[in-house]
N, C-alpha and C. Protein backbone atom coordinates (compact mmCIF):
# COMPACT_ATOMS: atom_id res chain seq x y z
N MET A 1 31.38 16.55 8.93
CA MET A 1 29.62 16.46 8.99
C MET A 1 29.09 15.39 8.21
N LYS A 2 29.50 15.20 6.93
CA LYS A 2 29.07 14.21 6.14
C LYS A 2 29.32 12.77 6.48
N LYS A 3 30.45 12.62 7.25
CA LYS A 3 30.63 11.14 7.79
C LYS A 3 29.74 10.87 8.82
N ILE A 4 29.42 11.86 9.63
CA ILE A 4 28.54 11.51 10.72
C ILE A 4 27.03 11.18 10.32
N VAL A 5 26.63 11.93 9.23
CA VAL A 5 25.37 11.82 8.69
C VAL A 5 25.19 10.35 7.92
N HIS A 6 26.41 10.10 7.36
CA HIS A 6 26.40 8.77 6.57
C HIS A 6 26.52 7.62 7.65
N ALA A 7 27.23 7.69 8.95
CA ALA A 7 27.39 6.92 9.89
C ALA A 7 25.84 6.62 10.42
N ALA A 8 25.35 7.90 10.91
CA ALA A 8 23.95 7.65 11.53
C ALA A 8 22.90 7.15 10.59
N ALA A 9 22.94 7.34 9.34
CA ALA A 9 22.09 6.82 8.27
C ALA A 9 22.31 5.04 8.19
N ALA A 10 23.70 4.81 8.22
CA ALA A 10 24.06 3.32 8.12
C ALA A 10 23.51 2.58 9.67
N LEU A 11 23.72 3.23 10.51
CA LEU A 11 23.34 2.69 11.76
C LEU A 11 21.86 2.41 11.90
N THR A 12 21.04 3.50 11.52
CA THR A 12 19.54 3.44 11.47
C THR A 12 19.11 2.36 10.56
N PHE A 13 19.64 2.23 9.38
CA PHE A 13 19.35 1.20 8.33
C PHE A 13 19.70 -0.23 8.90
N ALA A 14 20.94 -0.21 9.64
CA ALA A 14 21.30 -1.59 10.12
C ALA A 14 20.19 -2.14 11.35
N SER A 15 20.05 -1.12 12.21
CA SER A 15 19.06 -1.66 13.31
C SER A 15 17.67 -1.77 12.79
N LEU A 16 17.14 -1.17 11.88
CA LEU A 16 15.79 -1.28 11.38
C LEU A 16 15.87 -2.80 10.35
N SER A 17 16.83 -2.98 9.79
CA SER A 17 16.97 -4.14 8.97
C SER A 17 16.79 -5.50 9.85
N THR A 18 17.37 -5.50 11.07
CA THR A 18 17.40 -6.61 12.01
C THR A 18 16.15 -6.99 12.76
N PHE A 19 15.08 -6.02 12.43
CA PHE A 19 14.03 -6.59 13.11
C PHE A 19 13.50 -7.80 12.48
N SER A 20 12.66 -8.58 13.34
CA SER A 20 12.11 -9.77 12.79
C SER A 20 10.58 -9.84 13.38
N ALA A 21 9.77 -10.65 12.82
CA ALA A 21 8.54 -10.89 13.25
C ALA A 21 8.57 -11.14 14.82
N ALA A 22 9.45 -11.87 15.21
CA ALA A 22 9.63 -12.11 16.69
C ALA A 22 9.61 -11.01 17.75
N SER A 23 10.49 -9.95 17.00
CA SER A 23 10.78 -8.88 17.73
C SER A 23 9.75 -7.79 17.88
N ALA A 24 8.89 -7.95 17.16
CA ALA A 24 7.47 -7.06 16.88
C ALA A 24 6.41 -7.58 17.76
N GLY A 25 6.56 -8.04 18.88
CA GLY A 25 5.56 -8.50 19.72
C GLY A 25 4.31 -7.67 20.08
N GLY A 26 4.70 -6.24 19.97
CA GLY A 26 3.67 -5.34 20.32
C GLY A 26 2.56 -4.92 19.12
N PHE A 27 2.84 -5.55 18.04
CA PHE A 27 2.05 -5.11 16.82
C PHE A 27 1.06 -6.09 16.64
N ASN A 28 -0.19 -6.03 16.35
CA ASN A 28 -1.06 -7.21 15.89
C ASN A 28 -1.82 -6.86 14.77
N GLN A 29 -1.60 -5.60 13.96
CA GLN A 29 -2.46 -5.33 12.76
C GLN A 29 -1.70 -4.29 12.16
N PHE A 30 -1.72 -4.36 10.85
CA PHE A 30 -1.26 -3.35 9.85
C PHE A 30 -2.51 -2.53 9.38
N ILE A 31 -2.50 -1.32 9.44
CA ILE A 31 -3.57 -0.38 8.85
C ILE A 31 -2.91 0.57 8.02
N GLY A 32 -3.29 0.51 6.64
CA GLY A 32 -2.68 1.32 5.73
C GLY A 32 -3.51 2.51 5.18
N PHE A 33 -3.24 3.53 4.85
CA PHE A 33 -3.96 4.82 4.27
C PHE A 33 -2.95 5.46 3.15
N GLY A 34 -3.37 5.80 2.08
CA GLY A 34 -2.61 6.60 1.28
C GLY A 34 -2.95 6.26 -0.20
N ASP A 35 -2.05 6.56 -1.23
CA ASP A 35 -2.20 6.56 -2.42
C ASP A 35 -1.55 5.36 -3.21
N SER A 36 -1.24 5.29 -4.41
CA SER A 36 -0.42 4.05 -5.12
C SER A 36 0.94 3.69 -4.39
N THR A 37 1.43 4.42 -3.78
CA THR A 37 2.80 4.03 -3.07
C THR A 37 2.49 3.12 -1.87
N MET A 38 1.10 2.96 -1.57
CA MET A 38 0.88 2.13 -0.34
C MET A 38 -0.25 0.91 -0.86
N ASP A 39 -0.69 1.12 -1.85
CA ASP A 39 -1.87 0.41 -2.55
C ASP A 39 -1.37 -1.21 -2.72
N THR A 40 -1.97 -2.13 -2.28
CA THR A 40 -1.64 -3.51 -2.34
C THR A 40 -2.76 -4.23 -3.26
N GLY A 41 -3.67 -3.42 -3.92
CA GLY A 41 -4.52 -4.13 -4.84
C GLY A 41 -5.93 -3.66 -4.55
N TYR A 42 -6.14 -2.36 -4.01
CA TYR A 42 -7.51 -1.97 -3.87
C TYR A 42 -8.46 -2.06 -4.93
N PHE A 43 -7.98 -1.91 -6.19
CA PHE A 43 -8.95 -1.87 -7.41
C PHE A 43 -9.16 -3.29 -7.85
N ARG A 44 -8.57 -4.29 -7.23
CA ARG A 44 -8.72 -5.69 -7.65
C ARG A 44 -10.16 -6.02 -7.03
N TYR A 45 -10.67 -5.28 -6.09
CA TYR A 45 -11.92 -5.66 -5.36
C TYR A 45 -13.02 -4.54 -5.46
N HIS A 46 -12.43 -3.36 -6.05
CA HIS A 46 -13.44 -2.23 -6.24
C HIS A 46 -13.28 -1.58 -7.52
N THR A 47 -14.42 -0.97 -8.12
CA THR A 47 -14.34 -0.41 -9.34
C THR A 47 -13.44 0.96 -9.22
N THR A 48 -12.98 1.36 -10.42
CA THR A 48 -12.03 2.58 -10.43
C THR A 48 -13.20 3.75 -10.79
N GLY A 49 -14.46 3.26 -11.36
CA GLY A 49 -15.43 4.41 -11.82
C GLY A 49 -15.05 4.49 -13.24
N SER A 50 -14.21 3.98 -13.90
CA SER A 50 -13.86 4.02 -15.15
C SER A 50 -13.94 2.60 -15.93
N THR A 51 -14.82 2.34 -16.84
CA THR A 51 -14.85 1.03 -17.52
C THR A 51 -13.71 0.62 -18.13
N ILE A 52 -12.92 1.58 -18.91
CA ILE A 52 -11.61 1.29 -19.48
C ILE A 52 -10.59 0.90 -18.51
N ASP A 53 -10.55 1.59 -17.35
CA ASP A 53 -9.45 1.19 -16.35
C ASP A 53 -9.91 -0.22 -15.60
N ASP A 54 -11.19 -0.42 -15.35
CA ASP A 54 -11.54 -1.74 -14.77
C ASP A 54 -11.25 -2.67 -15.77
N GLN A 55 -11.41 -2.65 -16.91
CA GLN A 55 -10.97 -3.73 -18.05
C GLN A 55 -9.48 -3.82 -18.21
N ALA A 56 -8.85 -2.88 -18.02
CA ALA A 56 -7.33 -2.85 -18.10
C ALA A 56 -6.77 -3.69 -16.87
N ILE A 57 -7.46 -3.48 -15.71
CA ILE A 57 -6.97 -4.11 -14.52
C ILE A 57 -7.30 -5.60 -14.46
N LEU A 58 -8.58 -5.75 -14.91
CA LEU A 58 -9.01 -7.26 -15.02
C LEU A 58 -8.04 -7.93 -16.00
N ALA A 59 -7.72 -7.43 -17.16
CA ALA A 59 -6.99 -8.04 -18.00
C ALA A 59 -5.45 -8.31 -17.44
N ALA A 60 -4.99 -7.35 -16.66
CA ALA A 60 -3.62 -7.44 -16.04
C ALA A 60 -3.69 -8.73 -15.09
N ILE A 61 -4.86 -8.91 -14.27
CA ILE A 61 -5.08 -9.80 -13.29
C ILE A 61 -5.16 -11.33 -14.06
N ASN A 62 -5.90 -11.25 -15.18
CA ASN A 62 -6.03 -12.41 -15.81
C ASN A 62 -4.68 -12.87 -16.36
N LEU A 63 -3.80 -12.06 -16.72
CA LEU A 63 -2.61 -12.38 -17.12
C LEU A 63 -1.40 -12.66 -15.95
N GLY A 64 -1.99 -12.72 -14.81
CA GLY A 64 -1.10 -13.22 -13.66
C GLY A 64 -0.63 -12.01 -12.73
N ALA A 65 -0.97 -10.67 -12.92
CA ALA A 65 -0.47 -9.70 -12.02
C ALA A 65 -1.01 -10.08 -10.64
N THR A 66 -0.13 -9.79 -9.81
CA THR A 66 -0.49 -9.89 -8.48
C THR A 66 -0.10 -8.91 -7.32
N GLY A 67 0.63 -7.98 -7.95
CA GLY A 67 1.19 -6.83 -7.01
C GLY A 67 0.23 -5.81 -6.79
N GLY A 68 0.41 -4.75 -6.19
CA GLY A 68 -0.33 -3.62 -6.09
C GLY A 68 -0.72 -2.98 -7.33
N TRP A 69 -1.68 -2.37 -7.46
CA TRP A 69 -2.27 -1.64 -8.57
C TRP A 69 -2.13 -2.67 -9.73
N ALA A 70 -2.58 -3.99 -9.47
CA ALA A 70 -2.73 -5.11 -10.44
C ALA A 70 -1.26 -5.12 -11.16
N GLY A 71 -0.19 -4.81 -10.60
CA GLY A 71 0.94 -4.99 -11.25
C GLY A 71 1.78 -6.30 -10.74
N ASN A 72 3.09 -6.25 -11.17
CA ASN A 72 3.78 -7.63 -10.80
C ASN A 72 4.76 -7.46 -9.72
N GLY A 73 4.81 -6.40 -8.90
CA GLY A 73 5.71 -6.15 -7.85
C GLY A 73 5.15 -6.39 -6.48
N VAL A 74 6.00 -6.38 -5.58
CA VAL A 74 5.69 -6.58 -4.20
C VAL A 74 5.87 -4.91 -3.48
N MET A 75 4.72 -4.66 -2.83
CA MET A 75 4.54 -3.24 -2.45
C MET A 75 5.37 -2.94 -1.10
N ASN A 76 5.93 -1.84 -0.89
CA ASN A 76 6.76 -1.53 0.27
C ASN A 76 5.79 -1.72 1.38
N THR A 77 4.47 -1.66 1.44
CA THR A 77 3.60 -2.04 2.61
C THR A 77 3.69 -3.51 2.95
N THR A 78 3.63 -4.43 1.81
CA THR A 78 3.69 -5.68 2.01
C THR A 78 5.06 -6.10 2.92
N ILE A 79 6.05 -5.42 2.41
CA ILE A 79 7.50 -5.84 3.02
C ILE A 79 7.49 -5.17 4.39
N LEU A 80 6.78 -3.91 4.69
CA LEU A 80 6.74 -3.56 6.13
C LEU A 80 6.01 -4.21 7.03
N ALA A 81 4.94 -4.59 6.59
CA ALA A 81 4.06 -5.54 7.45
C ALA A 81 4.67 -6.87 7.71
N GLY A 82 5.25 -7.30 6.54
CA GLY A 82 5.92 -8.51 6.77
C GLY A 82 7.07 -8.60 7.76
N GLN A 83 7.62 -7.58 8.02
CA GLN A 83 8.82 -7.39 8.90
C GLN A 83 8.17 -7.53 10.31
N PHE A 84 6.80 -7.37 10.73
CA PHE A 84 6.33 -7.32 11.80
C PHE A 84 5.39 -8.71 11.79
N GLY A 85 5.65 -9.63 10.86
CA GLY A 85 4.59 -10.78 10.72
C GLY A 85 3.06 -10.64 10.61
N LEU A 86 2.92 -9.39 9.87
CA LEU A 86 1.60 -9.00 9.68
C LEU A 86 1.27 -9.02 8.02
N SER A 87 0.07 -8.73 7.74
CA SER A 87 -0.34 -8.92 6.30
C SER A 87 -0.60 -7.42 5.83
N ALA A 88 -0.52 -6.88 4.64
CA ALA A 88 -0.91 -5.59 4.31
C ALA A 88 -2.00 -5.79 3.19
N ALA A 89 -2.77 -6.86 3.41
CA ALA A 89 -3.68 -7.15 2.39
C ALA A 89 -4.74 -5.93 2.22
N THR A 90 -5.26 -5.70 1.09
CA THR A 90 -6.25 -4.66 0.92
C THR A 90 -7.44 -4.85 1.46
N ILE A 91 -8.13 -3.74 1.90
CA ILE A 91 -9.63 -3.96 2.46
C ILE A 91 -10.48 -4.91 1.54
N GLY A 92 -10.38 -4.84 0.52
CA GLY A 92 -11.24 -5.85 -0.41
C GLY A 92 -10.88 -7.19 -0.28
N GLY A 93 -9.70 -7.47 0.16
CA GLY A 93 -9.15 -8.83 0.24
C GLY A 93 -9.08 -9.47 1.48
N GLY A 94 -9.97 -8.92 2.63
CA GLY A 94 -9.94 -9.26 3.78
C GLY A 94 -8.86 -8.50 4.81
N GLY A 95 -8.11 -7.68 4.14
CA GLY A 95 -7.22 -6.95 5.08
C GLY A 95 -7.52 -5.54 5.64
N THR A 96 -6.53 -4.96 6.03
CA THR A 96 -6.82 -3.52 6.87
C THR A 96 -5.95 -2.34 5.79
N ASN A 97 -5.83 -2.60 4.59
CA ASN A 97 -4.88 -1.63 3.81
C ASN A 97 -6.10 -0.94 3.00
N TYR A 98 -6.49 0.31 3.31
CA TYR A 98 -7.30 1.23 2.71
C TYR A 98 -6.71 2.01 1.45
N ALA A 99 -5.46 2.03 1.41
CA ALA A 99 -4.88 2.91 0.18
C ALA A 99 -5.25 2.31 -1.08
N ASN A 100 -5.46 3.49 -2.06
CA ASN A 100 -5.76 3.16 -3.28
C ASN A 100 -4.97 3.91 -4.38
N GLY A 101 -4.67 3.50 -5.52
CA GLY A 101 -3.98 4.28 -6.55
C GLY A 101 -4.63 5.50 -6.97
N GLY A 102 -4.00 6.68 -6.69
CA GLY A 102 -4.45 7.98 -7.11
C GLY A 102 -5.11 8.77 -6.32
N ALA A 103 -5.09 8.23 -4.91
CA ALA A 103 -5.94 8.92 -3.87
C ALA A 103 -5.22 10.18 -3.58
N THR A 104 -6.08 11.06 -3.26
CA THR A 104 -5.59 12.44 -2.85
C THR A 104 -5.91 12.69 -1.47
N THR A 105 -5.48 13.57 -0.59
CA THR A 105 -5.73 13.72 0.67
C THR A 105 -7.30 14.31 0.94
N VAL A 106 -7.70 15.06 0.17
CA VAL A 106 -9.09 15.68 0.03
C VAL A 106 -9.68 15.61 -1.20
N PRO A 107 -11.06 15.56 -1.40
CA PRO A 107 -11.77 15.43 -2.57
C PRO A 107 -11.18 16.59 -3.55
N ASN A 108 -11.13 16.19 -4.86
CA ASN A 108 -10.66 17.33 -5.96
C ASN A 108 -11.67 17.29 -7.01
N ASN A 109 -11.60 18.06 -7.77
CA ASN A 109 -12.60 17.99 -9.08
C ASN A 109 -12.26 17.13 -10.17
N ALA A 110 -11.08 16.77 -10.22
CA ALA A 110 -10.49 15.94 -11.35
C ALA A 110 -9.82 14.72 -10.88
N PRO A 111 -10.36 13.85 -10.04
CA PRO A 111 -9.66 12.76 -9.42
C PRO A 111 -9.15 11.79 -10.82
N ILE A 112 -7.98 11.16 -10.41
CA ILE A 112 -7.33 10.28 -11.34
C ILE A 112 -8.40 9.09 -11.80
N MET A 113 -9.02 8.66 -10.67
CA MET A 113 -9.93 7.43 -10.84
C MET A 113 -11.27 8.02 -10.26
N PRO A 114 -12.31 7.98 -11.00
CA PRO A 114 -13.68 8.66 -10.66
C PRO A 114 -14.20 8.12 -9.32
N ALA A 115 -14.06 6.97 -8.86
CA ALA A 115 -14.50 6.43 -7.82
C ALA A 115 -13.45 6.21 -6.73
N ASN A 116 -12.35 7.16 -6.76
CA ASN A 116 -11.22 7.14 -5.81
C ASN A 116 -11.69 7.44 -4.55
N VAL A 117 -11.06 7.01 -3.53
CA VAL A 117 -11.36 7.23 -2.11
C VAL A 117 -10.29 8.09 -1.53
N THR A 118 -10.61 9.23 -1.06
CA THR A 118 -9.34 10.06 -0.54
C THR A 118 -8.88 9.62 0.75
N THR A 119 -7.66 10.11 1.03
CA THR A 119 -7.10 9.65 2.32
C THR A 119 -7.92 9.92 3.48
N ILE A 120 -8.59 11.21 3.45
CA ILE A 120 -9.47 11.49 4.67
C ILE A 120 -10.79 10.45 4.59
N GLN A 121 -11.21 10.12 3.58
CA GLN A 121 -12.37 9.11 3.53
C GLN A 121 -11.95 7.59 3.95
N GLN A 122 -10.63 7.36 3.59
CA GLN A 122 -10.01 6.15 4.20
C GLN A 122 -9.95 6.02 5.57
N ILE A 123 -9.70 7.04 6.20
CA ILE A 123 -9.38 7.15 7.63
C ILE A 123 -10.85 7.05 8.40
N ASP A 124 -11.69 7.90 7.66
CA ASP A 124 -13.31 7.86 8.09
C ASP A 124 -13.83 6.45 8.25
N ASN A 125 -13.47 5.64 7.03
CA ASN A 125 -14.00 4.35 6.82
C ASN A 125 -13.39 3.41 8.01
C-alpha cells in the first residue's frame, strides 16, 4: 500500500511540476486570501497598527528585504502564481493578494497585529 501512495504522490508532483505559463491559458488573475503563509508584503503598504512593528518592517525594507512579511524569501504564492504566468503582488502594491501576516479567519480579541485584516474581511473587500 505504501508503494502505491508513494507512486501516486510522485505522479502528482511530476504532473504539477510540468505546468508552464503557456499551459495555463484559462487563468488570468491570482487572488490570494490568508495569513503569513500567503502574504507577499501586505504590511509594506499598510500599517500593522503597532508603531514598533511598523518601524521594524521599515528597517527591514531599508536594509533590502523584498520578500513577504518584509523578509528575504520568495513566498509560495509568488511561485504558484508564477507557474501560471501571473503575479502574486499584494493589494497595496497593485496586485490582488489580500493575505496579511497574523490574519485569523474571524475577528478575535487579541490579534497579532492591531490593524490586522481577517480572512473574512479580506474576502469581503
